[in-house]
Amino acid sequence: MEGNAIERKAAASGHVDYASPIVLSETSKTRVSAIPFFIQHSDHSELSLKIQTMRKTDPPFNWVEIEDKSITLSEEATRKLAAELPKYYAVAGEDSAGDYVVVRMSDGYTDVANLDPDVAVSALITALGQEDIAAHLSGIELGEGLTKALRYSVRLSEMKTAMTELRGLLDGGTNDERFYQAWCEEHPWAFGNNFVVNDDIRDITIQDQVDILVPRLLAGFRDIIELKRPDVEVLRYDESHRDYYFSSDVSKAIGQCHRYLDVFTEAAKNGLIGNEHIVAYHPEATIVMGRMVEWPEEKCKALHGLNARLSGIRIITYDHLLAQGESLIDYLSNVENQEEAETPF
């Protein structure tokens, strides 16, 4: 481990501390230094830099500050300078003019053109998540094939990250519906490729608010998604009749959605007041609740059978939602791999 001792000394004013000057350049007549200052607040210290220019006087040859050629950088400006310089240092290693995408790696900054292809793709996907880089690339003609491939890869990466986040919530024992509502609002595609966006509207009447309204991609009509806790019981077993039946929590949720569907159909049959683009035409409802981890096959078949006998409402667990999302990602990944294999280079 490399390092240098830094002595932090109190200034005569008593209001700030400082460290020894860092000499940036020096000639026989001038010297430019960076002096670190530590400004103490009640709960933290700020670092600022004073870029000081000095000249050597005539005998006795003392160093005197040239005030109009000195400048003090604030904490924010100092941090920004420290963050940006390594990027330009990386570009300085190139031997020609042009546009460069410079990405932070674990051991510094590098140009993605010099990386292993797999590492470069990963780095570029990360870079495209930064608004300034994405905006810059949007103005460059990358070619239809490359543009499509990049967008596809970025989207797949986002989807995989989303599924990892959902699995983390479930495996971590999070049972607050608000976390799952926020996740589902951001990733409606997990309910199937019919649903790629969702509405911001929740109120279907003055008194009634649903969790999520999702438009069907092809028809343009709306369906309802109702979210419950992942720790509730979905099915119970009747020993005397040797069959599974919906728990009281599921029955309550079905009754709730039945009412929502009736109210929504009536309120939006010709377009929701104030949001006429939202139309209800034979809407359906999906209720997400509970988990099916370690369910026996017989219990899984029972839920499928009970769903088949419901009309306009289906019950899925959060594990179903995970499986649907991951299945869609697998399908899209296979499509991407197939297109890459068929593309001549």
Protein backbone atom coordinates (compact mmCIF):
# COMPACT_ATOMS: atom_id res chain seq x y z
CA MET A 1 0.00 0.00 0.00
CA GLU A 2 1.44 3.33 -1.06
CA GLY A 3 0.88 6.64 0.70
CA ASN A 4 2.47 9.85 1.93
CA ALA A 5 2.10 11.47 5.33
CA ILE A 6 0.02 14.64 5.24
CA GLU A 7 0.44 17.15 8.03
CA ARG A 8 -2.70 19.17 8.77
CA LYS A 9 -1.69 22.43 10.42
CA ALA A 10 -3.84 25.14 12.01
CA ALA A 11 -3.77 28.51 10.28
CA ALA A 12 -3.01 31.64 12.28
CA SER A 13 -6.62 32.80 11.93
CA GLY A 14 -7.81 29.72 13.82
CA HIS A 15 -10.70 29.25 11.36
CA VAL A 16 -9.11 26.83 8.91
CA ASP A 17 -6.36 24.23 8.67
CA TYR A 18 -4.00 23.73 5.79
CA ALA A 19 -1.42 21.30 4.42
CA SER A 20 1.91 21.85 2.74
CA PRO A 21 1.68 23.35 -0.77
CA ILE A 22 1.81 21.03 -3.75
CA VAL A 23 4.20 22.62 -6.25
CA LEU A 24 2.64 22.28 -9.71
CA SER A 25 5.29 24.15 -11.67
CA GLU A 26 8.32 26.30 -10.94
CA THR A 27 10.81 28.38 -12.89
CA SER A 28 13.54 30.70 -11.74
CA LYS A 29 11.02 33.54 -11.52
CA THR A 30 7.55 32.02 -10.89
CA ARG A 31 5.98 29.18 -8.92
CA VAL A 32 2.45 27.75 -9.11
CA SER A 33 1.26 25.74 -6.12
CA ALA A 34 -1.96 24.10 -4.92
CA ILE A 35 -2.54 24.65 -1.21
CA PRO A 36 -5.09 22.33 0.44
CA PHE A 37 -7.34 24.06 3.00
CA PHE A 38 -9.60 22.23 5.48
CA ILE A 39 -12.60 24.31 6.49
CA GLN A 40 -14.09 22.98 9.71
CA HIS A 41 -17.88 23.02 10.21
CA SER A 42 -19.84 21.78 13.18
CA ASP A 43 -20.35 18.31 11.69
CA HIS A 44 -17.78 17.97 8.91
CA SER A 45 -14.72 19.43 7.20
CA GLU A 46 -14.61 20.75 3.65
CA LEU A 47 -11.59 20.53 1.39
CA SER A 48 -10.78 23.46 -0.86
CA LEU A 49 -7.75 24.28 -2.98
CA LYS A 50 -6.04 27.56 -3.49
CA ILE A 51 -4.12 27.72 -6.77
CA GLN A 52 -1.45 30.24 -5.86
CA THR A 53 0.88 31.95 -8.31
CA MET A 54 4.02 33.54 -6.90
CA ARG A 55 6.95 35.50 -8.29
CA LYS A 56 10.47 35.93 -7.01
CA THR A 57 11.40 39.48 -6.04
CA ASP A 58 14.64 41.23 -6.67
CA PRO A 59 17.20 40.74 -3.93
CA PRO A 60 16.70 39.37 -1.33
CA PHE A 61 14.79 37.01 -3.72
CA ASN A 62 11.66 36.32 -1.66
CA TRP A 63 8.55 34.63 -3.06
CA VAL A 64 5.52 36.99 -3.24
CA GLU A 65 1.98 36.03 -4.22
CA ILE A 66 0.54 37.47 -7.44
CA GLU A 67 -3.05 37.90 -6.24
CA ASP A 68 -4.70 38.49 -9.61
CA LYS A 69 -3.22 35.19 -10.83
CA SER A 70 -4.37 33.10 -7.84
CA ILE A 71 -7.73 31.42 -7.42
CA THR A 72 -9.49 29.47 -4.67
CA LEU A 73 -11.57 26.40 -5.61
CA SER A 74 -14.55 25.49 -3.46
CA GLU A 75 -15.18 21.99 -2.11
CA GLU A 76 -17.51 21.22 -5.04
CA ALA A 77 -15.09 22.55 -7.63
CA THR A 78 -12.21 20.61 -6.05
CA ARG A 79 -14.15 17.34 -6.13
CA LYS A 80 -15.23 17.93 -9.73
CA LEU A 81 -11.66 18.61 -10.82
CA ALA A 82 -10.41 15.48 -9.06
CA ALA A 83 -13.11 13.36 -10.72
CA GLU A 84 -12.65 14.72 -14.23
CA LEU A 85 -8.86 14.82 -14.58
CA PRO A 86 -8.36 11.01 -14.75
CA LYS A 87 -10.75 10.83 -17.72
CA TYR A 88 -8.75 13.38 -19.69
CA TYR A 89 -5.52 11.68 -18.67
CA ALA A 90 -6.87 8.46 -20.25
CA VAL A 91 -7.67 10.30 -23.50
CA ALA A 92 -4.22 11.89 -23.45
CA GLY A 93 -2.79 8.41 -23.99
CA GLU A 94 -4.42 8.26 -27.43
CA ASP A 95 -2.56 9.49 -30.50
CA SER A 96 -5.36 11.02 -32.58
CA ALA A 97 -8.29 13.42 -32.37
CA GLY A 98 -11.85 12.09 -32.16
CA ASP A 99 -14.70 11.30 -29.80
CA TYR A 100 -13.91 8.97 -26.88
CA VAL A 101 -16.07 7.10 -24.40
CA VAL A 102 -14.05 6.77 -21.21
CA VAL A 103 -15.32 4.39 -18.55
CA ARG A 104 -14.30 4.01 -14.90
CA MET A 105 -12.94 0.53 -14.21
CA SER A 106 -11.86 -0.96 -10.90
CA ASP A 107 -8.28 0.20 -11.39
CA GLY A 108 -8.83 3.54 -13.11
CA TYR A 109 -10.24 4.92 -16.38
CA THR A 110 -9.87 3.38 -19.80
CA ASP A 111 -11.20 3.71 -23.34
CA VAL A 112 -13.64 0.88 -24.09
CA ALA A 113 -11.97 0.31 -27.45
CA ASN A 114 -8.96 -1.19 -25.67
CA LEU A 115 -10.95 -3.73 -23.63
CA ASP A 116 -11.80 -7.38 -24.04
CA PRO A 117 -15.12 -7.47 -25.99
CA ASP A 118 -17.14 -8.96 -23.12
CA VAL A 119 -15.75 -6.43 -20.66
CA ALA A 120 -16.30 -3.62 -23.18
CA VAL A 121 -19.99 -4.49 -23.61
CA SER A 122 -20.50 -4.52 -19.85
CA ALA A 123 -18.67 -1.22 -19.47
CA LEU A 124 -20.57 0.39 -22.33
CA ILE A 125 -23.94 -0.69 -20.91
CA THR A 126 -22.95 0.93 -17.63
CA ALA A 127 -21.84 4.07 -19.45
CA LEU A 128 -25.10 4.35 -21.37
CA GLY A 129 -26.86 4.62 -18.04
CA GLN A 130 -25.18 8.00 -17.58
CA GLU A 131 -27.27 10.79 -19.10
CA ASP A 132 -24.36 12.81 -20.46
CA ILE A 133 -22.85 9.85 -22.32
CA ALA A 134 -26.21 8.66 -23.63
CA ALA A 135 -27.02 12.17 -24.86
CA HIS A 136 -23.67 12.41 -26.63
CA LEU A 137 -24.09 9.08 -28.38
CA SER A 138 -27.64 9.97 -29.46
CA GLY A 139 -26.17 12.61 -31.76
CA ILE A 140 -23.72 10.24 -33.42
CA GLU A 141 -24.55 8.01 -36.37
CA LEU A 142 -23.66 4.58 -34.98
CA GLY A 143 -25.31 2.52 -37.65
CA GLU A 144 -28.67 0.79 -37.45
CA GLY A 145 -27.26 -2.61 -36.44
CA LEU A 146 -25.06 -1.31 -33.63
CA THR A 147 -27.75 1.04 -32.33
CA LYS A 148 -30.28 -1.78 -32.19
CA ALA A 149 -27.81 -4.14 -30.50
CA LEU A 150 -26.87 -1.56 -27.86
CA ARG A 151 -30.48 -0.73 -27.04
CA TYR A 152 -31.33 -4.42 -26.85
CA SER A 153 -28.41 -5.13 -24.54
CA VAL A 154 -29.16 -2.16 -22.30
CA ARG A 155 -32.82 -3.19 -22.02
CA LEU A 156 -31.93 -6.79 -21.18
CA SER A 157 -29.46 -5.61 -18.57
CA GLU A 158 -32.12 -3.40 -16.96
CA MET A 159 -34.61 -6.27 -16.93
CA LYS A 160 -32.13 -8.68 -15.34
CA THR A 161 -31.31 -6.11 -12.69
CA ALA A 162 -35.02 -5.65 -11.99
CA MET A 163 -35.58 -9.38 -11.45
CA THR A 164 -32.58 -9.54 -9.13
CA GLU A 165 -34.10 -6.66 -7.16
CA LEU A 166 -37.48 -8.43 -6.89
CA ARG A 167 -35.87 -11.68 -5.77
CA GLY A 168 -33.86 -9.74 -3.20
CA LEU A 169 -37.04 -8.19 -1.77
CA LEU A 170 -38.73 -11.59 -1.48
CA ASP A 171 -35.75 -13.53 -0.16
CA GLY A 172 -35.03 -10.71 2.27
CA GLY A 173 -38.46 -11.14 3.85
CA THR A 174 -39.84 -7.74 2.82
CA ASN A 175 -43.63 -7.83 3.22
CA ASP A 176 -44.55 -4.16 2.81
CA GLU A 177 -46.88 -3.84 -0.19
CA ARG A 178 -45.49 -0.40 -1.02
CA PHE A 179 -42.14 -1.83 -2.10
CA TYR A 180 -43.81 -4.27 -4.48
CA GLN A 181 -46.18 -1.64 -5.83
CA ALA A 182 -43.23 0.63 -6.65
CA TRP A 183 -41.46 -2.30 -8.35
CA CYS A 184 -44.50 -3.35 -10.39
CA GLU A 185 -45.22 0.22 -11.46
CA GLU A 186 -41.70 0.46 -12.85
CA HIS A 187 -41.63 -3.00 -14.46
CA PRO A 188 -45.14 -3.89 -15.78
CA TRP A 189 -43.54 -6.10 -18.48
CA ALA A 190 -43.07 -8.78 -15.79
CA PHE A 191 -46.81 -9.53 -16.08
CA GLY A 192 -46.30 -10.60 -19.68
CA ASN A 193 -45.40 -8.93 -22.96
CA ASN A 194 -48.97 -7.64 -23.33
CA PHE A 195 -48.12 -5.08 -20.68
CA VAL A 196 -45.15 -2.82 -21.37
CA VAL A 197 -46.25 0.42 -19.69
CA ASN A 198 -48.66 1.45 -16.98
CA ASP A 199 -50.85 4.45 -16.24
CA ASP A 200 -50.18 7.01 -13.54
CA ILE A 201 -53.93 7.12 -12.91
CA ARG A 202 -55.16 5.15 -9.87
CA ASP A 203 -58.59 6.64 -9.11
CA ILE A 204 -61.39 4.92 -11.00
CA THR A 205 -64.04 6.80 -8.98
CA ILE A 206 -63.86 9.41 -6.25
CA GLN A 207 -63.94 6.66 -3.61
CA ASP A 208 -62.09 3.84 -5.37
CA GLN A 209 -58.38 3.58 -6.09
CA VAL A 210 -56.70 0.52 -7.61
CA ASP A 211 -53.04 -0.42 -7.19
CA ILE A 212 -52.09 -0.41 -10.88
CA LEU A 213 -53.86 0.14 -14.20
CA VAL A 214 -52.09 -1.43 -17.18
CA PRO A 215 -53.00 -0.95 -20.86
CA ARG A 216 -53.09 -4.01 -23.08
CA LEU A 217 -50.55 -3.49 -25.82
CA LEU A 218 -52.69 -4.62 -28.75
CA ALA A 219 -56.20 -3.56 -27.75
CA GLY A 220 -55.42 -0.42 -25.77
CA PHE A 221 -57.95 -1.24 -23.04
CA ARG A 222 -57.11 -1.33 -19.34
CA ASP A 223 -56.76 -4.16 -16.83
CA ILE A 224 -56.36 -4.01 -13.06
CA ILE A 225 -53.50 -5.34 -10.95
CA GLU A 226 -54.07 -5.70 -7.21
CA LEU A 227 -51.13 -6.38 -4.91
CA LYS A 228 -51.24 -8.06 -1.51
CA ARG A 229 -48.54 -9.14 0.90
CA PRO A 230 -46.20 -11.99 -0.08
CA ASP A 231 -46.52 -13.62 3.34
CA VAL A 232 -50.29 -14.30 3.19
CA GLU A 233 -51.69 -17.79 2.73
CA VAL A 234 -53.09 -18.50 -0.73
CA LEU A 235 -54.53 -22.02 -0.49
CA ARG A 236 -55.74 -24.14 2.39
CA TYR A 237 -56.40 -27.89 2.44
CA ASP A 238 -59.72 -29.47 3.41
CA GLU A 239 -58.90 -32.81 5.03
CA SER A 240 -62.49 -34.07 4.93
CA HIS A 241 -62.99 -33.42 1.20
CA ARG A 242 -59.30 -33.85 0.29
CA ASP A 243 -59.10 -30.71 -1.81
CA TYR A 244 -57.57 -27.24 -1.78
CA TYR A 245 -59.58 -24.03 -1.53
CA PHE A 246 -58.84 -20.30 -1.47
CA SER A 247 -57.92 -18.82 1.90
CA SER A 248 -60.03 -16.06 3.42
CA ASP A 249 -57.40 -13.47 2.31
CA VAL A 250 -57.79 -14.60 -1.31
CA SER A 251 -61.58 -14.59 -1.05
CA LYS A 252 -61.53 -11.02 0.25
CA ALA A 253 -59.20 -9.96 -2.56
CA ILE A 254 -61.45 -11.59 -5.17
CA GLY A 255 -64.47 -9.76 -3.74
CA GLN A 256 -62.54 -6.49 -3.78
CA CYS A 257 -61.48 -6.95 -7.41
CA HIS A 258 -64.99 -8.04 -8.43
CA ARG A 259 -66.28 -4.71 -7.15
CA TYR A 260 -63.42 -2.78 -8.78
CA LEU A 261 -64.17 -4.41 -12.13
CA ASP A 262 -67.86 -3.50 -11.89
CA VAL A 263 -67.14 0.07 -10.84
CA PHE A 264 -64.40 0.52 -13.44
CA THR A 265 -66.55 -0.89 -16.24
CA GLU A 266 -69.36 1.51 -15.39
CA ALA A 267 -67.13 4.56 -14.86
CA ALA A 268 -64.93 4.11 -17.94
CA LYS A 269 -67.09 2.39 -20.52
CA ASN A 270 -66.87 5.55 -22.64
CA GLY A 271 -63.63 6.81 -21.15
CA LEU A 272 -62.77 7.79 -17.60
CA ILE A 273 -63.91 11.34 -16.77
CA GLY A 274 -60.88 13.61 -16.99
CA ASN A 275 -58.88 10.83 -18.65
CA GLU A 276 -60.99 9.85 -21.64
CA HIS A 277 -58.17 7.77 -23.15
CA ILE A 278 -58.61 5.24 -20.34
CA VAL A 279 -61.35 2.85 -21.47
CA ALA A 280 -62.73 -0.23 -19.73
CA TYR A 281 -64.01 -2.97 -22.03
CA HIS A 282 -64.33 -6.37 -20.37
CA PRO A 283 -61.38 -5.58 -18.07
CA GLU A 284 -59.61 -8.35 -16.19
CA ALA A 285 -57.85 -8.33 -12.83
CA THR A 286 -54.66 -10.01 -11.65
CA ILE A 287 -54.14 -10.45 -7.91
CA VAL A 288 -50.55 -11.00 -6.75
CA MET A 289 -50.16 -12.41 -3.27
CA GLY A 290 -48.32 -15.05 -1.26
CA ARG A 291 -45.57 -17.41 -2.35
CA MET A 292 -45.47 -20.97 -3.67
CA VAL A 293 -41.96 -21.95 -2.56
CA GLU A 294 -41.82 -25.72 -1.90
CA TRP A 295 -45.43 -26.25 -2.94
CA PRO A 296 -46.08 -29.86 -3.99
CA GLU A 297 -47.19 -30.44 -7.58
CA GLU A 298 -50.73 -31.22 -6.43
CA LYS A 299 -51.06 -27.79 -4.81
CA CYS A 300 -49.70 -26.01 -7.90
CA LYS A 301 -52.24 -27.86 -10.06
CA ALA A 302 -55.00 -26.90 -7.61
CA LEU A 303 -54.26 -23.17 -8.01
CA HIS A 304 -54.24 -23.57 -11.78
CA GLY A 305 -57.59 -25.35 -11.67
CA LEU A 306 -59.19 -22.80 -9.34
CA ASN A 307 -57.98 -19.97 -11.58
CA ALA A 308 -59.44 -21.72 -14.63
CA ARG A 309 -62.88 -21.59 -13.02
CA LEU A 310 -62.73 -17.90 -12.23
CA SER A 311 -63.94 -15.38 -14.81
CA GLY A 312 -61.96 -12.21 -15.42
CA ILE A 313 -59.81 -12.64 -12.30
CA ARG A 314 -56.66 -14.69 -11.78
CA ILE A 315 -54.52 -15.30 -8.70
CA ILE A 316 -50.75 -15.53 -9.03
CA THR A 317 -48.04 -15.67 -6.38
CA TYR A 318 -44.91 -13.55 -6.33
CA ASP A 319 -43.02 -16.66 -7.43
CA HIS A 320 -45.23 -16.80 -10.53
CA LEU A 321 -44.31 -13.16 -11.17
CA LEU A 322 -40.62 -13.99 -10.83
CA ALA A 323 -40.95 -16.95 -13.20
CA GLN A 324 -42.86 -14.89 -15.80
CA GLY A 325 -40.24 -12.12 -15.79
CA GLU A 326 -37.30 -14.51 -15.97
CA SER A 327 -38.96 -16.51 -18.73
CA LEU A 328 -39.41 -13.36 -20.79
CA ILE A 329 -35.75 -12.43 -20.24
CA ASP A 330 -34.63 -15.92 -21.30
CA TYR A 331 -36.71 -15.67 -24.46
CA LEU A 332 -35.32 -12.24 -25.36
CA SER A 333 -31.77 -13.38 -24.58
CA ASN A 334 -32.17 -16.35 -26.94
CA VAL A 335 -33.52 -14.06 -29.66
CA GLU A 336 -30.55 -11.73 -29.22
CA ASN A 337 -28.06 -14.60 -29.35
CA GLN A 338 -29.72 -16.02 -32.46
CA GLU A 339 -29.63 -12.65 -34.23
CA GLU A 340 -25.94 -12.23 -33.34
CA ALA A 341 -25.16 -15.70 -34.72
CA GLU A 342 -26.93 -14.89 -37.99
CA THR A 343 -25.25 -11.49 -38.42
CA PRO A 344 -22.25 -11.63 -40.81
CA PHE A 345 -19.20 -9.53 -39.92
